[in-house]
Every structure is written in C-alpha cells, then in structure tokens.
Amino acid sequence: MDLLTILLDMTEKRLARNEAKLRVKKKVFHVLVEVLQNMYHYSDNSEHPSEEYFSIIFLIRKIDEEYVIYAGNYLQNDEIEQLEKRLDQANSFNREELRAYYRQQLNRGTWSEHGGAGLGFLDIIKKSGNAISYEVMPVSDEYSFFSMEVHI
C-alpha cells in the first residue's frame, strides 16, 4: 500500500468518525489529493543535494464545522516567483472568472513540466470555495519552505 493510499484511508476513517456530510467528505478528499499531488510533483526534484530539503508536511484539522488542510515542502528559490504569481492570480479570481480561466486552461491542452495541466491550485480554490493562504520562508541561498492553508 503506498503512502497516498494510507493517508486517504486514514482521512476517510477520521471523517466517518466525525460524521462529516458526504458532500464535505468529497470536497476534503478532492482538495487533499490535489494538495498531495502538488507537494509530490514540486518536491520530486532529483537535484536536491540532501534529504534536508526533501521533507514535506501536511495536516488536516477540524475547526468547528470547517476542515483545514495545512501543507508544506521545500522548493528551490528559482521556482518561487512563478509559483507565487500563479497562486496570486488564482486567488484573485471571483467564482465566474475562476470557472472561465479553468475552462480556458483545459481547452489549451498544454501540460506542465510536472505532468499536469497547471490546474491544481485552480481546482483547490474551486472545490474549497476559498482562496489559498500561503507563506514562503527562505531557508538558504538555494531553498525556501513553501506552506499553504486551505479551508473547506
């Protein structure tokens, strides 16, 4: 059983114990999968000089009637500017603009170097109904730690 399957299984059991509504469960699962895929793709870099900059974190927390997903991983500093640009753009869209841009990106049919269509952040915002909060903390000349928070 791979790590992603274990995490999803654990999340499913925890959501069942919390008696989450089916619609909420689906949203949490969908967002969780997107977050984990993003972390995997962006941290899966063979140029990492050591295990020190290969760590990832993630946490799901229930606060009142809301679920919050926290995630973070190290990124090379030369990736940060483009990532922030994409996130800021995605966070700036209202619901209709987000849908239109999402469809436009799908119709373009281009794939990123990480194997996706560049829709991960858009998908997270669309499913959660909320902007993605994020922070970038420089840790060395080459790396920064990127963390994000998604409310569902």
N, C-alpha and C. Protein backbone atom coordinates (compact mmCIF):
# COMPACT_ATOMS: atom_id res chain seq x y z
N MET A 1 0.86 -1.17 0.00
CA MET A 1 0.00 0.00 0.00
C MET A 1 0.90 1.24 0.00
N ASP A 2 0.68 2.17 -0.92
CA ASP A 2 1.53 3.34 -0.96
C ASP A 2 1.06 4.39 0.06
N LEU A 3 1.92 5.37 0.29
CA LEU A 3 1.67 6.37 1.32
C LEU A 3 0.39 7.16 1.05
N LEU A 4 0.15 7.53 -0.19
CA LEU A 4 -1.05 8.29 -0.52
C LEU A 4 -2.31 7.51 -0.17
N THR A 5 -2.33 6.23 -0.48
CA THR A 5 -3.48 5.38 -0.17
C THR A 5 -3.69 5.31 1.35
N ILE A 6 -2.62 5.18 2.08
CA ILE A 6 -2.71 5.12 3.55
C ILE A 6 -3.28 6.43 4.10
N LEU A 7 -2.78 7.56 3.60
CA LEU A 7 -3.25 8.86 4.07
C LEU A 7 -4.73 9.06 3.75
N LEU A 8 -5.13 8.69 2.55
CA LEU A 8 -6.53 8.84 2.18
C LEU A 8 -7.44 7.93 3.00
N ASP A 9 -6.97 6.71 3.24
CA ASP A 9 -7.73 5.77 4.06
C ASP A 9 -7.90 6.29 5.49
N MET A 10 -6.81 6.81 6.05
CA MET A 10 -6.88 7.37 7.41
C MET A 10 -7.84 8.56 7.45
N THR A 11 -7.78 9.40 6.43
CA THR A 11 -8.66 10.56 6.37
C THR A 11 -10.12 10.13 6.27
N GLU A 12 -10.38 9.13 5.44
CA GLU A 12 -11.74 8.63 5.29
C GLU A 12 -12.29 8.13 6.63
N LYS A 13 -11.49 7.37 7.35
CA LYS A 13 -11.93 6.85 8.66
C LYS A 13 -12.19 7.97 9.65
N ARG A 14 -11.32 8.97 9.64
CA ARG A 14 -11.47 10.09 10.57
C ARG A 14 -12.71 10.91 10.23
N LEU A 15 -12.95 11.12 8.94
CA LEU A 15 -14.15 11.86 8.53
C LEU A 15 -15.41 11.10 8.90
N ALA A 16 -15.37 9.78 8.78
CA ALA A 16 -16.53 8.96 9.15
C ALA A 16 -16.81 9.08 10.64
N ARG A 17 -15.74 9.08 11.44
CA ARG A 17 -15.91 9.22 12.89
C ARG A 17 -16.50 10.58 13.24
N ASN A 18 -16.14 11.59 12.47
CA ASN A 18 -16.66 12.94 12.72
C ASN A 18 -18.03 13.16 12.08
N GLU A 19 -18.55 12.11 11.44
CA GLU A 19 -19.85 12.15 10.80
C GLU A 19 -19.98 13.30 9.81
N ALA A 20 -18.94 13.51 9.04
CA ALA A 20 -18.96 14.56 8.03
C ALA A 20 -19.98 14.22 6.95
N LYS A 21 -20.62 15.23 6.42
CA LYS A 21 -21.58 15.03 5.34
C LYS A 21 -20.83 14.55 4.10
N LEU A 22 -21.51 13.77 3.27
CA LEU A 22 -20.89 13.20 2.07
C LEU A 22 -20.29 14.30 1.18
N ARG A 23 -21.02 15.38 1.00
CA ARG A 23 -20.53 16.48 0.16
C ARG A 23 -19.23 17.06 0.72
N VAL A 24 -19.16 17.22 2.02
CA VAL A 24 -17.95 17.75 2.67
C VAL A 24 -16.80 16.74 2.53
N LYS A 25 -17.10 15.46 2.73
CA LYS A 25 -16.08 14.42 2.57
C LYS A 25 -15.47 14.47 1.17
N LYS A 26 -16.33 14.58 0.16
CA LYS A 26 -15.85 14.62 -1.22
C LYS A 26 -14.95 15.83 -1.45
N LYS A 27 -15.34 16.97 -0.92
CA LYS A 27 -14.53 18.17 -1.07
C LYS A 27 -13.17 18.00 -0.39
N VAL A 28 -13.20 17.49 0.84
CA VAL A 28 -11.95 17.30 1.59
C VAL A 28 -11.04 16.34 0.83
N PHE A 29 -11.59 15.24 0.35
CA PHE A 29 -10.79 14.26 -0.41
C PHE A 29 -10.21 14.88 -1.67
N HIS A 30 -11.04 15.56 -2.42
CA HIS A 30 -10.59 16.15 -3.67
C HIS A 30 -9.45 17.15 -3.43
N VAL A 31 -9.65 18.03 -2.46
CA VAL A 31 -8.63 19.03 -2.14
C VAL A 31 -7.37 18.35 -1.62
N LEU A 32 -7.54 17.36 -0.77
CA LEU A 32 -6.39 16.65 -0.21
C LEU A 32 -5.56 16.00 -1.31
N VAL A 33 -6.21 15.35 -2.25
CA VAL A 33 -5.49 14.71 -3.36
C VAL A 33 -4.72 15.75 -4.16
N GLU A 34 -5.34 16.87 -4.47
CA GLU A 34 -4.67 17.94 -5.23
C GLU A 34 -3.47 18.48 -4.46
N VAL A 35 -3.65 18.73 -3.17
CA VAL A 35 -2.56 19.25 -2.34
C VAL A 35 -1.39 18.27 -2.32
N LEU A 36 -1.70 17.00 -2.09
CA LEU A 36 -0.63 15.99 -2.03
C LEU A 36 0.06 15.82 -3.38
N GLN A 37 -0.70 15.88 -4.46
CA GLN A 37 -0.09 15.78 -5.79
C GLN A 37 0.84 16.96 -6.05
N ASN A 38 0.41 18.16 -5.68
CA ASN A 38 1.26 19.33 -5.85
C ASN A 38 2.55 19.18 -5.05
N MET A 39 2.41 18.75 -3.82
CA MET A 39 3.60 18.58 -2.97
C MET A 39 4.54 17.55 -3.57
N TYR A 40 3.98 16.46 -4.05
CA TYR A 40 4.79 15.40 -4.64
C TYR A 40 5.53 15.90 -5.87
N HIS A 41 4.80 16.54 -6.76
CA HIS A 41 5.40 16.99 -8.02
C HIS A 41 6.46 18.07 -7.80
N TYR A 42 6.20 18.99 -6.88
CA TYR A 42 7.15 20.07 -6.68
C TYR A 42 8.32 19.69 -5.79
N SER A 43 8.18 18.65 -5.00
CA SER A 43 9.32 18.24 -4.17
C SER A 43 10.08 17.08 -4.81
N ASP A 44 9.55 16.52 -5.87
CA ASP A 44 10.20 15.40 -6.56
C ASP A 44 11.23 15.93 -7.54
N ASN A 45 12.30 16.45 -6.99
CA ASN A 45 13.34 17.07 -7.80
C ASN A 45 14.65 16.35 -7.56
N SER A 46 15.19 15.74 -8.58
CA SER A 46 16.40 14.94 -8.42
C SER A 46 17.64 15.77 -8.10
N GLU A 47 17.52 17.10 -8.17
CA GLU A 47 18.67 17.96 -7.90
C GLU A 47 18.82 18.28 -6.42
N HIS A 48 17.95 17.75 -5.56
CA HIS A 48 18.08 18.01 -4.13
C HIS A 48 19.43 17.52 -3.64
N PRO A 49 20.23 18.40 -3.03
CA PRO A 49 21.57 17.99 -2.61
C PRO A 49 21.58 17.09 -1.39
N SER A 50 20.51 17.12 -0.60
CA SER A 50 20.47 16.29 0.59
C SER A 50 19.03 16.06 1.01
N GLU A 51 18.84 15.12 1.90
CA GLU A 51 17.50 14.83 2.41
C GLU A 51 16.95 16.00 3.22
N GLU A 52 17.81 16.88 3.67
CA GLU A 52 17.40 18.02 4.48
C GLU A 52 16.32 18.86 3.79
N TYR A 53 16.41 19.00 2.47
CA TYR A 53 15.47 19.82 1.73
C TYR A 53 14.47 18.98 0.93
N PHE A 54 14.20 17.80 1.40
CA PHE A 54 13.25 16.93 0.71
C PHE A 54 12.02 16.64 1.57
N SER A 55 11.94 17.21 2.75
CA SER A 55 10.84 16.95 3.68
C SER A 55 9.56 17.65 3.25
N ILE A 56 8.43 17.01 3.56
CA ILE A 56 7.13 17.62 3.35
C ILE A 56 6.33 17.45 4.64
N ILE A 57 5.36 18.34 4.83
CA ILE A 57 4.46 18.23 5.98
C ILE A 57 3.03 18.39 5.47
N PHE A 58 2.11 17.77 6.18
CA PHE A 58 0.71 18.06 5.92
C PHE A 58 -0.11 17.67 7.13
N LEU A 59 -1.22 18.37 7.31
CA LEU A 59 -2.07 18.20 8.48
C LEU A 59 -3.49 18.55 8.07
N ILE A 60 -4.43 17.76 8.55
CA ILE A 60 -5.85 18.08 8.38
C ILE A 60 -6.41 18.32 9.77
N ARG A 61 -7.10 19.42 9.91
CA ARG A 61 -7.63 19.79 11.23
C ARG A 61 -9.09 20.21 11.08
N LYS A 62 -9.91 19.81 12.03
CA LYS A 62 -11.31 20.23 12.04
C LYS A 62 -11.45 21.34 13.08
N ILE A 63 -11.94 22.47 12.62
CA ILE A 63 -12.19 23.61 13.50
C ILE A 63 -13.66 23.97 13.36
N ASP A 64 -14.42 23.71 14.41
CA ASP A 64 -15.87 23.88 14.39
C ASP A 64 -16.45 23.04 13.24
N GLU A 65 -17.07 23.66 12.26
CA GLU A 65 -17.68 22.92 11.15
C GLU A 65 -16.81 22.96 9.89
N GLU A 66 -15.58 23.37 10.04
CA GLU A 66 -14.70 23.56 8.90
C GLU A 66 -13.48 22.65 9.00
N TYR A 67 -13.03 22.16 7.84
CA TYR A 67 -11.80 21.40 7.78
C TYR A 67 -10.72 22.30 7.19
N VAL A 68 -9.52 22.20 7.74
CA VAL A 68 -8.40 22.99 7.26
C VAL A 68 -7.26 22.03 6.92
N ILE A 69 -6.73 22.19 5.72
CA ILE A 69 -5.59 21.39 5.29
C ILE A 69 -4.37 22.31 5.27
N TYR A 70 -3.34 21.90 5.99
CA TYR A 70 -2.06 22.61 6.01
C TYR A 70 -1.05 21.71 5.30
N ALA A 71 -0.22 22.31 4.46
CA ALA A 71 0.79 21.52 3.77
C ALA A 71 2.01 22.39 3.50
N GLY A 72 3.16 21.73 3.40
CA GLY A 72 4.36 22.50 3.11
C GLY A 72 5.48 21.61 2.61
N ASN A 73 6.36 22.21 1.82
CA ASN A 73 7.53 21.50 1.32
C ASN A 73 8.59 22.51 0.89
N TYR A 74 9.81 22.01 0.76
CA TYR A 74 10.91 22.85 0.30
C TYR A 74 10.87 22.97 -1.21
N LEU A 75 11.19 24.17 -1.69
CA LEU A 75 11.27 24.43 -3.12
C LEU A 75 12.56 25.17 -3.40
N GLN A 76 13.07 24.99 -4.59
CA GLN A 76 14.23 25.76 -4.99
C GLN A 76 13.78 27.21 -5.18
N ASN A 77 14.61 28.13 -4.77
CA ASN A 77 14.25 29.55 -4.83
C ASN A 77 13.89 30.02 -6.23
N ASP A 78 14.48 29.43 -7.24
CA ASP A 78 14.16 29.86 -8.60
C ASP A 78 12.76 29.45 -9.05
N GLU A 79 12.07 28.62 -8.27
CA GLU A 79 10.69 28.22 -8.57
C GLU A 79 9.66 29.11 -7.89
N ILE A 80 10.09 29.87 -6.87
CA ILE A 80 9.17 30.59 -6.00
C ILE A 80 8.40 31.70 -6.73
N GLU A 81 9.09 32.52 -7.50
CA GLU A 81 8.43 33.65 -8.15
C GLU A 81 7.27 33.21 -9.04
N GLN A 82 7.50 32.20 -9.85
CA GLN A 82 6.46 31.69 -10.74
C GLN A 82 5.30 31.09 -9.93
N LEU A 83 5.61 30.37 -8.86
CA LEU A 83 4.58 29.78 -8.01
C LEU A 83 3.72 30.87 -7.37
N GLU A 84 4.35 31.89 -6.82
CA GLU A 84 3.60 32.98 -6.20
C GLU A 84 2.72 33.70 -7.22
N LYS A 85 3.25 33.89 -8.41
CA LYS A 85 2.49 34.54 -9.49
C LYS A 85 1.23 33.75 -9.81
N ARG A 86 1.38 32.41 -9.96
CA ARG A 86 0.23 31.56 -10.28
C ARG A 86 -0.79 31.56 -9.14
N LEU A 87 -0.30 31.47 -7.90
CA LEU A 87 -1.21 31.46 -6.75
C LEU A 87 -1.94 32.79 -6.59
N ASP A 88 -1.20 33.89 -6.71
CA ASP A 88 -1.83 35.20 -6.57
C ASP A 88 -2.89 35.42 -7.66
N GLN A 89 -2.58 34.99 -8.88
CA GLN A 89 -3.55 35.11 -9.97
C GLN A 89 -4.79 34.26 -9.66
N ALA A 90 -4.59 33.01 -9.27
CA ALA A 90 -5.72 32.12 -8.96
C ALA A 90 -6.55 32.68 -7.80
N ASN A 91 -5.89 33.21 -6.78
CA ASN A 91 -6.61 33.76 -5.63
C ASN A 91 -7.37 35.03 -5.97
N SER A 92 -6.99 35.72 -7.04
CA SER A 92 -7.63 36.99 -7.38
C SER A 92 -8.95 36.82 -8.13
N PHE A 93 -9.19 35.64 -8.69
CA PHE A 93 -10.39 35.42 -9.49
C PHE A 93 -11.64 35.34 -8.61
N ASN A 94 -12.74 35.91 -9.12
CA ASN A 94 -14.02 35.63 -8.48
C ASN A 94 -14.50 34.29 -9.05
N ARG A 95 -15.63 33.81 -8.59
CA ARG A 95 -16.10 32.47 -8.97
C ARG A 95 -16.25 32.30 -10.49
N GLU A 96 -16.84 33.27 -11.16
CA GLU A 96 -17.04 33.18 -12.61
C GLU A 96 -15.71 33.25 -13.37
N GLU A 97 -14.83 34.15 -12.95
CA GLU A 97 -13.52 34.27 -13.60
C GLU A 97 -12.73 32.98 -13.44
N LEU A 98 -12.84 32.38 -12.25
CA LEU A 98 -12.15 31.13 -11.98
C LEU A 98 -12.64 30.03 -12.93
N ARG A 99 -13.95 29.91 -13.08
CA ARG A 99 -14.52 28.90 -13.99
C ARG A 99 -14.06 29.14 -15.43
N ALA A 100 -14.11 30.39 -15.86
CA ALA A 100 -13.74 30.72 -17.24
C ALA A 100 -12.26 30.43 -17.48
N TYR A 101 -11.40 30.82 -16.55
CA TYR A 101 -9.97 30.58 -16.71
C TYR A 101 -9.66 29.09 -16.68
N TYR A 102 -10.35 28.37 -15.81
CA TYR A 102 -10.19 26.91 -15.71
C TYR A 102 -10.52 26.26 -17.04
N ARG A 103 -11.65 26.62 -17.63
CA ARG A 103 -12.05 26.07 -18.93
C ARG A 103 -11.04 26.45 -20.02
N GLN A 104 -10.59 27.69 -19.98
CA GLN A 104 -9.61 28.15 -20.96
C GLN A 104 -8.32 27.31 -20.88
N GLN A 105 -7.86 27.04 -19.66
CA GLN A 105 -6.65 26.24 -19.47
C GLN A 105 -6.86 24.80 -19.94
N LEU A 106 -8.04 24.25 -19.67
CA LEU A 106 -8.36 22.89 -20.13
C LEU A 106 -8.35 22.82 -21.65
N ASN A 107 -8.93 23.81 -22.28
CA ASN A 107 -9.02 23.83 -23.75
C ASN A 107 -7.66 24.03 -24.41
N ARG A 108 -6.73 24.65 -23.71
CA ARG A 108 -5.39 24.84 -24.27
C ARG A 108 -4.69 23.51 -24.46
N GLY A 109 -4.95 22.57 -23.55
CA GLY A 109 -4.40 21.22 -23.69
C GLY A 109 -2.89 21.13 -23.54
N THR A 110 -2.27 22.11 -22.88
CA THR A 110 -0.82 22.05 -22.67
C THR A 110 -0.53 21.44 -21.31
N TRP A 111 0.59 20.78 -21.22
CA TRP A 111 0.99 20.10 -19.99
C TRP A 111 2.22 20.76 -19.41
N SER A 112 2.26 20.84 -18.10
CA SER A 112 3.41 21.44 -17.42
C SER A 112 4.55 20.43 -17.35
N GLU A 113 5.72 20.91 -16.93
CA GLU A 113 6.87 20.01 -16.78
C GLU A 113 6.65 18.99 -15.68
N HIS A 114 5.65 19.23 -14.82
CA HIS A 114 5.36 18.29 -13.74
C HIS A 114 4.26 17.31 -14.13
N GLY A 115 3.82 17.36 -15.39
CA GLY A 115 2.88 16.36 -15.88
C GLY A 115 1.42 16.73 -15.80
N GLY A 116 1.10 17.91 -15.28
CA GLY A 116 -0.30 18.31 -15.17
C GLY A 116 -0.63 19.44 -16.12
N ALA A 117 -1.87 19.86 -16.08
CA ALA A 117 -2.32 20.94 -16.96
C ALA A 117 -2.23 22.29 -16.25
N GLY A 118 -1.60 22.33 -15.08
CA GLY A 118 -1.47 23.57 -14.34
C GLY A 118 -2.76 24.00 -13.67
N LEU A 119 -3.63 23.05 -13.38
CA LEU A 119 -4.95 23.36 -12.83
C LEU A 119 -5.06 23.09 -11.33
N GLY A 120 -4.00 22.59 -10.71
CA GLY A 120 -4.08 22.16 -9.32
C GLY A 120 -4.57 23.23 -8.37
N PHE A 121 -3.96 24.42 -8.39
CA PHE A 121 -4.37 25.49 -7.49
C PHE A 121 -5.78 25.97 -7.82
N LEU A 122 -6.09 26.06 -9.11
CA LEU A 122 -7.43 26.46 -9.52
C LEU A 122 -8.47 25.46 -9.00
N ASP A 123 -8.14 24.19 -9.12
CA ASP A 123 -9.03 23.12 -8.67
C ASP A 123 -9.25 23.19 -7.15
N ILE A 124 -8.18 23.45 -6.42
CA ILE A 124 -8.28 23.56 -4.96
C ILE A 124 -9.20 24.71 -4.57
N ILE A 125 -9.01 25.86 -5.19
CA ILE A 125 -9.84 27.03 -4.89
C ILE A 125 -11.29 26.77 -5.29
N LYS A 126 -11.46 26.17 -6.45
CA LYS A 126 -12.80 25.87 -6.95
C LYS A 126 -13.55 24.93 -6.00
N LYS A 127 -12.90 23.83 -5.60
CA LYS A 127 -13.55 22.84 -4.74
C LYS A 127 -13.76 23.35 -3.32
N SER A 128 -12.78 24.06 -2.78
CA SER A 128 -12.89 24.51 -1.39
C SER A 128 -13.79 25.73 -1.26
N GLY A 129 -13.87 26.52 -2.34
CA GLY A 129 -14.65 27.75 -2.28
C GLY A 129 -13.90 28.88 -1.59
N ASN A 130 -12.60 28.67 -1.35
CA ASN A 130 -11.80 29.66 -0.63
C ASN A 130 -10.45 29.84 -1.29
N ALA A 131 -9.88 31.03 -1.10
CA ALA A 131 -8.52 31.30 -1.57
C ALA A 131 -7.54 30.44 -0.78
N ILE A 132 -6.37 30.25 -1.34
CA ILE A 132 -5.30 29.50 -0.69
C ILE A 132 -4.39 30.51 0.01
N SER A 133 -4.27 30.36 1.33
CA SER A 133 -3.31 31.18 2.06
C SER A 133 -1.96 30.50 1.95
N TYR A 134 -0.91 31.27 1.78
CA TYR A 134 0.40 30.66 1.67
C TYR A 134 1.48 31.57 2.23
N GLU A 135 2.62 30.96 2.51
CA GLU A 135 3.77 31.69 3.03
C GLU A 135 5.03 31.05 2.47
N VAL A 136 6.02 31.86 2.19
CA VAL A 136 7.31 31.38 1.72
C VAL A 136 8.38 31.88 2.69
N MET A 137 9.12 30.95 3.26
CA MET A 137 10.19 31.31 4.19
C MET A 137 11.53 30.86 3.63
N PRO A 138 12.40 31.81 3.27
CA PRO A 138 13.73 31.43 2.78
C PRO A 138 14.50 30.69 3.88
N VAL A 139 15.17 29.60 3.49
CA VAL A 139 15.94 28.83 4.47
C VAL A 139 17.42 28.73 4.10
N SER A 140 17.74 29.02 2.85
CA SER A 140 19.13 29.01 2.41
C SER A 140 19.22 29.81 1.11
N ASP A 141 20.40 29.89 0.56
CA ASP A 141 20.57 30.58 -0.72
C ASP A 141 19.85 29.87 -1.85
N GLU A 142 19.64 28.57 -1.70
CA GLU A 142 19.02 27.78 -2.76
C GLU A 142 17.56 27.40 -2.52
N TYR A 143 17.15 27.33 -1.24
CA TYR A 143 15.83 26.78 -0.92
C TYR A 143 15.00 27.69 -0.02
N SER A 144 13.68 27.55 -0.19
CA SER A 144 12.71 28.18 0.69
C SER A 144 11.69 27.12 1.08
N PHE A 145 11.02 27.36 2.21
CA PHE A 145 9.96 26.44 2.62
C PHE A 145 8.63 27.10 2.27
N PHE A 146 7.86 26.41 1.43
CA PHE A 146 6.55 26.88 0.99
C PHE A 146 5.49 26.19 1.82
N SER A 147 4.58 26.96 2.43
CA SER A 147 3.48 26.35 3.17
C SER A 147 2.17 26.97 2.71
N MET A 148 1.14 26.15 2.74
CA MET A 148 -0.18 26.61 2.31
C MET A 148 -1.25 26.12 3.28
N GLU A 149 -2.37 26.84 3.27
CA GLU A 149 -3.50 26.53 4.14
C GLU A 149 -4.78 26.66 3.32
N VAL A 150 -5.62 25.62 3.37
CA VAL A 150 -6.86 25.60 2.61
C VAL A 150 -8.01 25.30 3.56
N HIS A 151 -9.02 26.16 3.54
CA HIS A 151 -10.21 25.97 4.38
C HIS A 151 -11.34 25.38 3.55
N ILE A 152 -12.00 24.35 4.08
CA ILE A 152 -13.11 23.71 3.39
C ILE A 152 -14.32 23.72 4.32
